[in-house]
């Protein structure tokens, strides 16, 4: 009786799994999707083995779910027929399991065993919670998906583009951080925008937040959608991320369900491309904080922070007035987002100018373009680094080198810029006398 009950339970579980991570025929949106299990009618004891179908009688082909390689590689120069390929897919079995959704294998439908062996297998999985809250995918399988997604996008002449939210596309402030002196300024901006027939400043009472969208954001998203498959990745809570995306993309045209929050990330303080279906060689990241991308800093195109609210400056310990207090804003056609868009277009053009784009790497292209910024510049640092720190390991030194500058702590005729924390240092004084640019970090 126990074995019969277990067989029934396993059979029902297998029949309830309807998941397709990669489809041979792309979905209308061209995105990877997951499908929730469909509601079933009254339970019926399974008889002979039957093909799983949905309510309309559609039977998804086995080939819609790619498999991990479990057989020996084919011999070179042997092209198998379509019947052989189909038979190969049908005959592949688990383990290894490509992944689990709510404890069920997305390929064979078996319940995830609780053996030590399976626990070790689970440790090699990645949570794709932004696609489905209970989806765990084997790392090897994820690599296969990444490669397939990269080839799909290259076929459409597209790259992947990941957007940060806060200080990149927008700036938000909690209601409790808004002072009485700031309220008239906010009301004035709302009034001016209403008269002009536009809206970029929003009061979101249901989440106790003021949010200001950055100038040029709309044009950037519209143009970038033609060349890139776009994602949002924020260290904010998922609820907040969804509210912000509603403001940026009300119709879901640009981002769809490609929204990753800290609830979906592998860490609350680090961002990682492992949770995104996209090859690192073809992904660009637009973020104001490259340091959060520990493993993928080479993919980051840093953008100047957007400080509209006073609380934003206070958060970073910056003195001075924000854009709201100055009763001003960035100029759309001359601001950071417009400059970034020009760089994105150049990288895209260079990437696809290669005869075999799949062999190209956006990281190398971005690195080469960065090094042109401070080419022929020699930077002398004065009283910038702690005495107990190796200068070459300081972020400012490394940043200057990344942008093509030569760095030194010795002031000589070849130096073009003196970077100092105090204009009264000996090097700063001598630098001015020699006609050098003296700047503060």
Protein backbone atom coordinates (compact mmCIF):
# COMPACT_ATOMS: atom_id res chain seq x y z
CA UNK A 1 0.00 0.00 0.00
CA UNK A 2 2.85 2.36 0.83
CA UNK A 3 4.60 1.70 -2.50
CA UNK A 4 1.35 2.21 -4.46
CA UNK A 5 0.69 5.48 -2.65
CA UNK A 6 4.24 6.67 -3.36
CA UNK A 7 3.90 5.70 -7.04
CA UNK A 8 0.65 7.64 -7.29
CA UNK A 9 2.17 10.69 -5.64
CA UNK A 10 5.23 10.65 -7.91
CA UNK A 11 3.10 10.22 -11.01
CA UNK A 12 0.86 13.15 -10.07
CA UNK A 13 3.90 15.27 -9.31
CA UNK A 14 5.42 14.49 -12.67
CA UNK A 15 2.19 15.34 -14.49
CA UNK A 16 1.95 18.73 -12.75
CA UNK A 17 5.28 20.01 -13.98
CA UNK A 18 4.90 22.23 -17.04
CA UNK A 19 8.09 24.22 -17.33
CA UNK A 20 10.02 25.43 -20.37
CA UNK A 21 13.18 27.45 -19.77
CA UNK A 22 14.36 27.47 -23.39
CA UNK A 23 12.10 26.89 -26.36
CA UNK A 24 13.26 25.89 -29.83
CA UNK A 25 10.61 28.34 -31.13
CA UNK A 26 11.16 31.69 -29.37
CA UNK A 27 8.27 33.21 -27.44
CA UNK A 28 6.67 36.35 -28.89
CA UNK A 29 8.71 38.52 -26.52
CA UNK A 30 11.89 36.61 -27.28
CA UNK A 31 12.48 36.12 -23.55
CA UNK A 32 13.08 33.09 -21.42
CA UNK A 33 9.89 32.38 -19.47
CA UNK A 34 8.52 29.96 -16.97
CA UNK A 35 4.94 28.71 -16.88
CA UNK A 36 3.09 28.08 -13.66
CA UNK A 37 1.64 24.57 -13.15
CA UNK A 38 -1.92 24.47 -14.43
CA UNK A 39 -4.90 23.69 -12.23
CA UNK A 40 -6.02 20.05 -12.32
CA UNK A 41 -9.41 18.55 -11.99
CA UNK A 42 -10.31 15.74 -9.57
CA UNK A 43 -7.53 13.23 -8.98
CA UNK A 44 -7.62 10.10 -11.12
CA UNK A 45 -5.50 7.06 -10.48
CA UNK A 46 -2.98 6.87 -13.30
CA UNK A 47 -3.26 3.92 -15.60
CA UNK A 48 -0.93 3.22 -18.48
CA UNK A 49 1.77 5.72 -19.28
CA UNK A 50 0.30 8.73 -21.06
CA UNK A 51 1.76 11.80 -22.71
CA UNK A 52 1.42 14.96 -20.62
CA UNK A 53 -0.84 17.56 -22.25
CA UNK A 54 -2.45 20.81 -21.24
CA UNK A 55 -6.15 21.58 -21.35
CA UNK A 56 -6.04 22.32 -25.07
CA UNK A 57 -4.40 18.98 -25.79
CA UNK A 58 -1.00 20.45 -26.65
CA UNK A 59 1.93 18.18 -25.95
CA UNK A 60 5.19 20.12 -25.56
CA UNK A 61 7.99 18.42 -27.49
CA UNK A 62 10.78 17.00 -25.41
CA UNK A 63 13.24 19.11 -27.39
CA UNK A 64 11.92 22.29 -25.76
CA UNK A 65 13.90 21.42 -22.64
CA UNK A 66 17.61 21.13 -23.46
CA UNK A 67 19.65 18.67 -21.49
CA UNK A 68 23.03 18.47 -19.90
CA UNK A 69 25.46 16.39 -21.94
CA UNK A 70 25.31 12.83 -20.63
CA UNK A 71 26.76 10.98 -23.58
CA UNK A 72 30.13 10.84 -25.29
CA UNK A 73 30.77 13.66 -27.80
CA UNK A 74 29.86 12.92 -31.39
CA UNK A 75 32.63 12.08 -33.79
CA UNK A 76 33.92 14.93 -35.90
CA UNK A 77 32.35 15.59 -39.31
CA UNK A 78 29.32 13.42 -38.53
CA UNK A 79 26.03 15.24 -38.97
CA UNK A 80 23.21 13.28 -37.30
CA UNK A 81 19.77 13.36 -38.83
CA UNK A 82 16.91 15.26 -37.22
CA UNK A 83 15.33 11.92 -36.22
CA UNK A 84 18.54 10.91 -34.45
CA UNK A 85 18.74 14.25 -32.63
CA UNK A 86 15.13 13.95 -31.51
CA UNK A 87 15.69 10.39 -30.32
CA UNK A 88 18.78 11.52 -28.41
CA UNK A 89 16.83 14.20 -26.53
CA UNK A 90 13.92 11.87 -25.78
CA UNK A 91 16.20 9.15 -24.46
CA UNK A 92 18.24 11.41 -22.17
CA UNK A 93 17.37 10.83 -18.56
CA UNK A 94 18.16 12.28 -15.17
CA UNK A 95 20.38 12.50 -13.21
CA UNK A 96 22.00 14.90 -13.53
CA UNK A 97 18.90 17.01 -13.04
CA UNK A 98 19.03 20.37 -14.88
CA UNK A 99 17.07 22.06 -12.09
CA UNK A 100 14.11 21.96 -9.75
CA UNK A 101 10.90 23.95 -9.48
CA UNK A 102 9.17 23.53 -6.12
CA UNK A 103 11.16 20.38 -5.53
CA UNK A 104 10.35 18.80 -8.91
CA UNK A 105 12.85 18.28 -11.72
CA UNK A 106 12.04 20.57 -14.64
CA UNK A 107 12.91 17.79 -17.13
CA UNK A 108 11.82 14.44 -15.70
CA UNK A 109 9.35 15.65 -13.07
CA UNK A 110 10.84 13.52 -10.30
CA UNK A 111 10.78 14.73 -6.72
CA UNK A 112 14.14 15.98 -5.50
CA UNK A 113 15.60 13.23 -3.30
CA UNK A 114 17.00 14.25 0.07
CA UNK A 115 20.10 12.07 -0.17
CA UNK A 116 23.59 13.42 0.51
CA UNK A 117 24.38 13.09 -3.18
CA UNK A 118 21.48 15.37 -4.13
CA UNK A 119 22.42 17.91 -1.46
CA UNK A 120 25.85 18.14 -3.05
CA UNK A 121 24.16 18.59 -6.42
CA UNK A 122 21.98 21.36 -4.94
CA UNK A 123 25.05 23.21 -3.76
CA UNK A 124 26.02 23.49 -7.44
CA UNK A 125 22.74 25.21 -8.37
CA UNK A 126 21.78 28.84 -8.91
CA UNK A 127 18.50 30.41 -7.84
CA UNK A 128 16.74 32.27 -10.65
CA UNK A 129 14.14 33.75 -8.34
CA UNK A 130 13.40 36.71 -10.60
CA UNK A 131 12.00 34.21 -13.14
CA UNK A 132 10.24 32.10 -10.51
CA UNK A 133 10.47 32.25 -6.71
CA UNK A 134 11.16 28.50 -6.39
CA UNK A 135 13.41 27.92 -9.41
CA UNK A 136 16.85 26.35 -8.83
CA UNK A 137 19.01 25.58 -11.88
CA UNK A 138 22.14 23.45 -12.12
CA UNK A 139 25.22 25.62 -12.78
CA UNK A 140 26.27 23.54 -15.80
CA UNK A 141 22.78 23.91 -17.21
CA UNK A 142 22.88 27.67 -16.58
CA UNK A 143 26.08 27.90 -18.62
CA UNK A 144 24.33 26.11 -21.47
CA UNK A 145 21.39 28.52 -21.22
CA UNK A 146 23.73 31.53 -21.19
CA UNK A 147 25.45 30.37 -24.36
CA UNK A 148 22.14 29.76 -26.10
CA UNK A 149 20.77 33.13 -25.03
CA UNK A 150 23.92 34.91 -26.26
CA UNK A 151 23.62 33.23 -29.67
CA UNK A 152 19.93 34.10 -29.86
CA UNK A 153 20.66 37.77 -29.18
CA UNK A 154 23.59 37.86 -31.61
CA UNK A 155 21.22 36.52 -34.25
CA UNK A 156 19.05 39.59 -33.55
CA UNK A 157 22.16 41.81 -33.53
CA UNK A 158 21.64 42.63 -29.87
CA UNK A 159 23.72 42.69 -26.69
CA UNK A 160 22.51 42.52 -23.07
CA UNK A 161 22.31 45.71 -21.01
CA UNK A 162 21.81 45.77 -17.23
CA UNK A 163 20.53 48.97 -15.58
CA UNK A 164 20.94 49.97 -11.97
CA UNK A 165 18.06 52.05 -10.58
CA UNK A 166 19.02 54.41 -7.74
CA UNK A 167 21.31 57.29 -8.70
CA UNK A 168 21.51 55.88 -12.25
CA UNK A 169 18.04 56.13 -13.78
CA UNK A 170 16.34 57.89 -10.88
CA UNK A 171 16.67 59.28 -7.35
CA UNK A 172 14.32 58.52 -4.46
CA UNK A 173 13.85 59.92 -0.97
CA UNK A 174 11.73 58.60 1.87
CA UNK A 175 9.01 60.96 3.11
CA UNK A 176 10.58 61.07 6.57
CA UNK A 177 13.77 62.50 5.05
CA UNK A 178 11.97 65.44 3.41
CA UNK A 179 12.14 68.59 5.54
CA UNK A 180 9.52 71.35 5.74
CA UNK A 181 11.88 73.69 3.88
CA UNK A 182 12.07 71.24 0.96
CA UNK A 183 8.31 70.77 0.52
CA UNK A 184 7.69 74.12 -1.26
CA UNK A 185 10.52 73.30 -3.67
CA UNK A 186 8.95 69.93 -4.49
CA UNK A 187 5.50 71.46 -4.93
CA UNK A 188 6.97 74.04 -7.29
CA UNK A 189 8.56 71.32 -9.47
CA UNK A 190 5.25 69.41 -9.61
CA UNK A 191 3.43 72.62 -10.62
CA UNK A 192 5.95 73.44 -13.35
CA UNK A 193 5.80 69.92 -14.78
CA UNK A 194 2.00 69.97 -14.79
CA UNK A 195 2.01 73.24 -16.74
CA UNK A 196 4.51 71.78 -19.21
CA UNK A 197 2.42 68.62 -19.62
CA UNK A 198 5.10 66.22 -18.37
CA UNK A 199 5.83 64.32 -15.19
CA UNK A 200 9.14 63.12 -13.80
CA UNK A 201 8.63 63.81 -10.08
CA UNK A 202 6.25 61.47 -8.26
CA UNK A 203 4.84 61.27 -4.73
CA UNK A 204 4.26 57.58 -3.93
CA UNK A 205 2.30 57.66 -0.68
CA UNK A 206 1.72 53.91 -0.63
CA UNK A 207 5.46 53.28 -0.24
CA UNK A 208 6.21 56.60 1.57
CA UNK A 209 8.53 57.82 -1.15
CA UNK A 210 9.30 60.73 -3.45
CA UNK A 211 10.92 59.65 -6.74
CA UNK A 212 12.49 61.78 -9.47
CA UNK A 213 13.20 60.20 -12.87
CA UNK A 214 16.44 61.32 -14.48
CA UNK A 215 16.33 63.53 -17.57
CA UNK A 216 16.81 61.62 -20.85
CA UNK A 217 15.79 58.29 -19.28
CA UNK A 218 12.86 57.81 -21.67
CA UNK A 219 14.90 58.49 -24.80
CA UNK A 220 17.69 56.22 -23.53
CA UNK A 221 15.37 53.27 -22.87
CA UNK A 222 13.56 53.67 -26.19
CA UNK A 223 16.75 53.84 -28.25
CA UNK A 224 18.62 51.19 -26.26
CA UNK A 225 15.78 48.68 -26.68
CA UNK A 226 16.60 48.54 -30.40
CA UNK A 227 20.18 47.36 -29.75
CA UNK A 228 20.02 45.65 -26.36
CA UNK A 229 18.04 43.10 -24.38
CA UNK A 230 17.51 45.07 -21.17
CA UNK A 231 17.41 44.11 -17.49
CA UNK A 232 17.06 45.93 -14.17
CA UNK A 233 19.31 44.92 -11.27
CA UNK A 234 18.99 46.80 -7.97
CA UNK A 235 20.01 46.20 -4.39
CA UNK A 236 16.63 47.56 -3.31
CA UNK A 237 13.74 45.40 -2.14
CA UNK A 238 11.70 43.70 -4.84
CA UNK A 239 8.55 45.67 -4.01
CA UNK A 240 10.44 48.92 -4.42
CA UNK A 241 12.06 47.72 -7.67
CA UNK A 242 8.66 46.86 -9.19
CA UNK A 243 7.26 50.29 -8.25
CA UNK A 244 10.22 52.05 -9.86
CA UNK A 245 9.97 50.00 -13.04
CA UNK A 246 6.27 50.93 -13.29
CA UNK A 247 7.35 54.57 -13.48
CA UNK A 248 10.16 53.93 -15.97
CA UNK A 249 8.37 51.35 -18.12
CA UNK A 250 4.58 51.49 -17.51
CA UNK A 251 3.73 49.11 -20.36
CA UNK A 252 6.49 46.59 -19.64
CA UNK A 253 7.86 47.10 -23.14
CA UNK A 254 11.52 47.51 -22.21
CA UNK A 255 12.16 45.22 -19.22
CA UNK A 256 9.29 42.73 -19.09
CA UNK A 257 9.97 40.40 -16.16
CA UNK A 258 13.75 40.93 -16.26
CA UNK A 259 13.85 42.63 -12.86
CA UNK A 260 16.38 41.47 -10.27
CA UNK A 261 16.31 42.82 -6.71
CA UNK A 262 18.33 42.03 -3.63
CA UNK A 263 15.72 39.39 -2.79
CA UNK A 264 16.77 37.55 -5.96
CA UNK A 265 20.52 38.17 -5.68
CA UNK A 266 23.12 35.84 -4.15
CA UNK A 267 24.08 38.56 -1.66
CA UNK A 268 22.59 41.69 -0.09
CA UNK A 269 25.72 43.73 -0.85
CA UNK A 270 27.08 42.24 -4.08
CA UNK A 271 25.65 42.06 -7.59
CA UNK A 272 26.46 39.07 -9.76
CA UNK A 273 25.76 38.19 -13.39
CA UNK A 274 25.42 34.52 -12.39
CA UNK A 275 21.73 35.12 -11.70
CA UNK A 276 21.12 36.53 -15.20
CA UNK A 277 20.73 34.46 -18.34
CA UNK A 278 23.38 36.12 -20.48
CA UNK A 279 27.00 35.54 -21.43
CA UNK A 280 29.51 37.81 -19.66
CA UNK A 281 31.18 38.44 -23.03
CA UNK A 282 28.08 40.20 -24.34
CA UNK A 283 26.72 41.99 -21.23
CA UNK A 284 27.18 45.68 -20.44
CA UNK A 285 26.25 47.14 -17.05
CA UNK A 286 25.21 50.74 -16.40
CA UNK A 287 25.75 51.52 -12.70
CA UNK A 288 26.95 54.38 -10.51
CA UNK A 289 28.72 51.94 -8.12
CA UNK A 290 31.12 49.59 -9.93
CA UNK A 291 32.45 48.29 -6.61
CA UNK A 292 29.31 46.21 -6.00
CA UNK A 293 30.16 44.15 -9.09
CA UNK A 294 33.10 42.28 -7.55
CA UNK A 295 33.39 39.62 -10.26
CA UNK A 296 32.15 41.66 -13.20
CA UNK A 297 33.65 45.12 -12.82
CA UNK A 298 35.08 44.89 -16.33
CA UNK A 299 31.51 44.88 -17.68
CA UNK A 300 30.55 48.12 -15.90
CA UNK A 301 30.16 51.43 -17.64
CA UNK A 302 30.12 53.83 -14.69
CA UNK A 303 27.67 56.74 -14.76
CA UNK A 304 27.78 59.90 -12.66
CA UNK A 305 25.45 59.74 -9.65
CA UNK A 306 22.14 61.56 -9.86
CA UNK A 307 21.57 63.64 -6.69
CA UNK A 308 18.19 65.34 -6.90
CA UNK A 309 17.20 65.16 -3.22
CA UNK A 310 19.19 66.53 -0.24
CA UNK A 311 18.94 63.14 1.48
CA UNK A 312 20.93 61.65 -1.41
CA UNK A 313 23.89 63.94 -0.71
CA UNK A 314 23.64 63.28 3.03
CA UNK A 315 23.69 59.52 2.40
CA UNK A 316 27.08 59.80 0.71
CA UNK A 317 28.41 62.43 3.10
CA UNK A 318 28.62 65.07 0.38
CA UNK A 319 28.39 68.75 1.31
CA UNK A 320 26.79 71.36 -0.92
CA UNK A 321 23.41 71.78 -2.58
CA UNK A 322 21.54 69.14 -4.55
CA UNK A 323 19.64 69.79 -7.79
CA UNK A 324 16.36 70.40 -5.95
CA UNK A 325 17.91 73.03 -3.70
CA UNK A 326 19.47 74.72 -6.72
CA UNK A 327 16.06 74.64 -8.40
CA UNK A 328 17.74 73.09 -11.40
CA UNK A 329 18.10 69.75 -13.16
CA UNK A 330 20.39 68.01 -15.65
CA UNK A 331 20.05 69.03 -19.28
CA UNK A 332 18.63 66.04 -21.14
CA UNK A 333 20.71 66.39 -24.29
CA UNK A 334 23.90 67.29 -22.41
CA UNK A 335 23.59 65.11 -19.30
CA UNK A 336 25.32 61.88 -18.27
CA UNK A 337 22.67 59.55 -19.72
CA UNK A 338 23.03 61.12 -23.16
CA UNK A 339 26.83 60.74 -22.99
CA UNK A 340 26.47 57.13 -21.87
CA UNK A 341 24.15 56.37 -24.79
CA UNK A 342 26.78 57.57 -27.26
CA UNK A 343 29.31 55.17 -25.68
CA UNK A 344 26.83 52.28 -25.75
CA UNK A 345 26.22 52.81 -29.46
CA UNK A 346 29.95 52.84 -30.18
CA UNK A 347 30.51 49.59 -28.27
CA UNK A 348 27.58 47.91 -30.03
CA UNK A 349 28.84 49.01 -33.44
CA UNK A 350 32.39 47.79 -32.76
CA UNK A 351 31.16 44.47 -31.35
CA UNK A 352 29.13 43.62 -34.46
CA UNK A 353 31.78 44.90 -36.86
CA UNK A 354 33.66 41.67 -36.12
CA UNK A 355 33.11 38.99 -38.82
CA UNK A 356 32.30 36.51 -36.04
CA UNK A 357 30.64 38.57 -33.27
CA UNK A 358 30.34 35.57 -30.94
CA UNK A 359 34.12 35.60 -30.66
CA UNK A 360 34.15 39.25 -29.57
CA UNK A 361 34.12 40.49 -25.97
CA UNK A 362 32.49 43.72 -24.76
CA UNK A 363 34.88 43.81 -21.80
CA UNK A 364 37.89 44.24 -24.07
CA UNK A 365 36.11 46.86 -26.15
CA UNK A 366 35.09 48.83 -23.05
CA UNK A 367 38.60 48.56 -21.60
CA UNK A 368 40.16 49.96 -24.77
CA UNK A 369 37.71 52.89 -24.86
CA UNK A 370 38.33 53.73 -21.20
CA UNK A 371 42.07 53.88 -21.73
CA UNK A 372 41.62 56.66 -24.30
CA UNK A 373 40.10 59.05 -21.72
CA UNK A 374 43.34 59.99 -19.89
CA UNK A 375 45.83 58.95 -22.55
CA UNK A 376 49.02 61.08 -22.45
CA UNK A 377 48.16 62.22 -18.90
CA UNK A 378 50.61 61.73 -16.02
CA UNK A 379 49.00 62.09 -12.59
CA UNK A 380 50.94 62.92 -9.42
CA UNK A 381 49.17 62.14 -6.13
CA UNK A 382 49.82 64.25 -3.05
CA UNK A 383 48.59 63.35 0.44
CA UNK A 384 45.82 61.15 -0.98
CA UNK A 385 46.79 57.69 0.28
CA UNK A 386 47.18 56.50 3.89
CA UNK A 387 50.82 56.06 4.89
CA UNK A 388 50.35 52.35 5.56
CA UNK A 389 48.79 51.63 2.12
CA UNK A 390 50.57 50.69 -1.07
CA UNK A 391 49.68 53.49 -3.54
CA UNK A 392 49.28 51.09 -6.46
CA UNK A 393 46.49 49.30 -4.56
CA UNK A 394 44.42 52.43 -3.86
CA UNK A 395 41.15 52.71 -5.88
CA UNK A 396 42.01 56.19 -7.21
CA UNK A 397 45.39 55.01 -8.52
CA UNK A 398 43.78 52.00 -10.18
CA UNK A 399 40.95 54.11 -11.58
CA UNK A 400 43.38 56.56 -13.18
CA UNK A 401 45.32 53.69 -14.77
CA UNK A 402 42.08 52.11 -16.02
CA UNK A 403 41.42 55.33 -17.92
CA UNK A 404 44.87 55.36 -19.49
CA UNK A 405 46.84 57.67 -17.17
CA UNK A 406 50.38 57.12 -15.89
CA UNK A 407 50.50 57.48 -12.08
CA UNK A 408 53.33 58.64 -9.81
CA UNK A 409 54.05 60.24 -6.44
CA UNK A 410 56.97 62.25 -7.81
CA UNK A 411 56.41 65.72 -9.26
CA UNK A 412 58.40 66.31 -12.44
CA UNK A 413 58.07 68.11 -15.78
CA UNK A 414 56.18 65.22 -17.38
CA UNK A 415 53.35 65.45 -14.83
CA UNK A 416 50.16 66.97 -16.25
CA UNK A 417 47.89 66.81 -13.17
CA UNK A 418 48.44 66.97 -9.41
CA UNK A 419 45.71 65.27 -7.37
CA UNK A 420 45.71 66.35 -3.73
CA UNK A 421 43.39 66.46 -0.72
CA UNK A 422 44.85 69.83 0.31
CA UNK A 423 45.85 72.75 -1.88
CA UNK A 424 48.48 73.67 0.68
CA UNK A 425 50.77 70.67 0.17
CA UNK A 426 54.24 71.26 -1.23
CA UNK A 427 53.46 69.35 -4.42
CA UNK A 428 50.25 71.32 -4.94
CA UNK A 429 52.06 74.65 -4.51
CA UNK A 430 54.95 73.61 -6.77
CA UNK A 431 52.52 72.18 -9.32
CA UNK A 432 50.69 75.49 -9.69
CA UNK A 433 54.00 77.29 -10.14
CA UNK A 434 54.92 74.82 -12.90
CA UNK A 435 51.59 75.38 -14.65
CA UNK A 436 50.15 71.95 -13.82
CA UNK A 437 46.46 71.21 -13.28
CA UNK A 438 45.90 70.91 -9.51
CA UNK A 439 42.66 69.13 -8.60
CA UNK A 440 41.01 67.59 -5.55
CA UNK A 441 39.46 64.09 -5.63
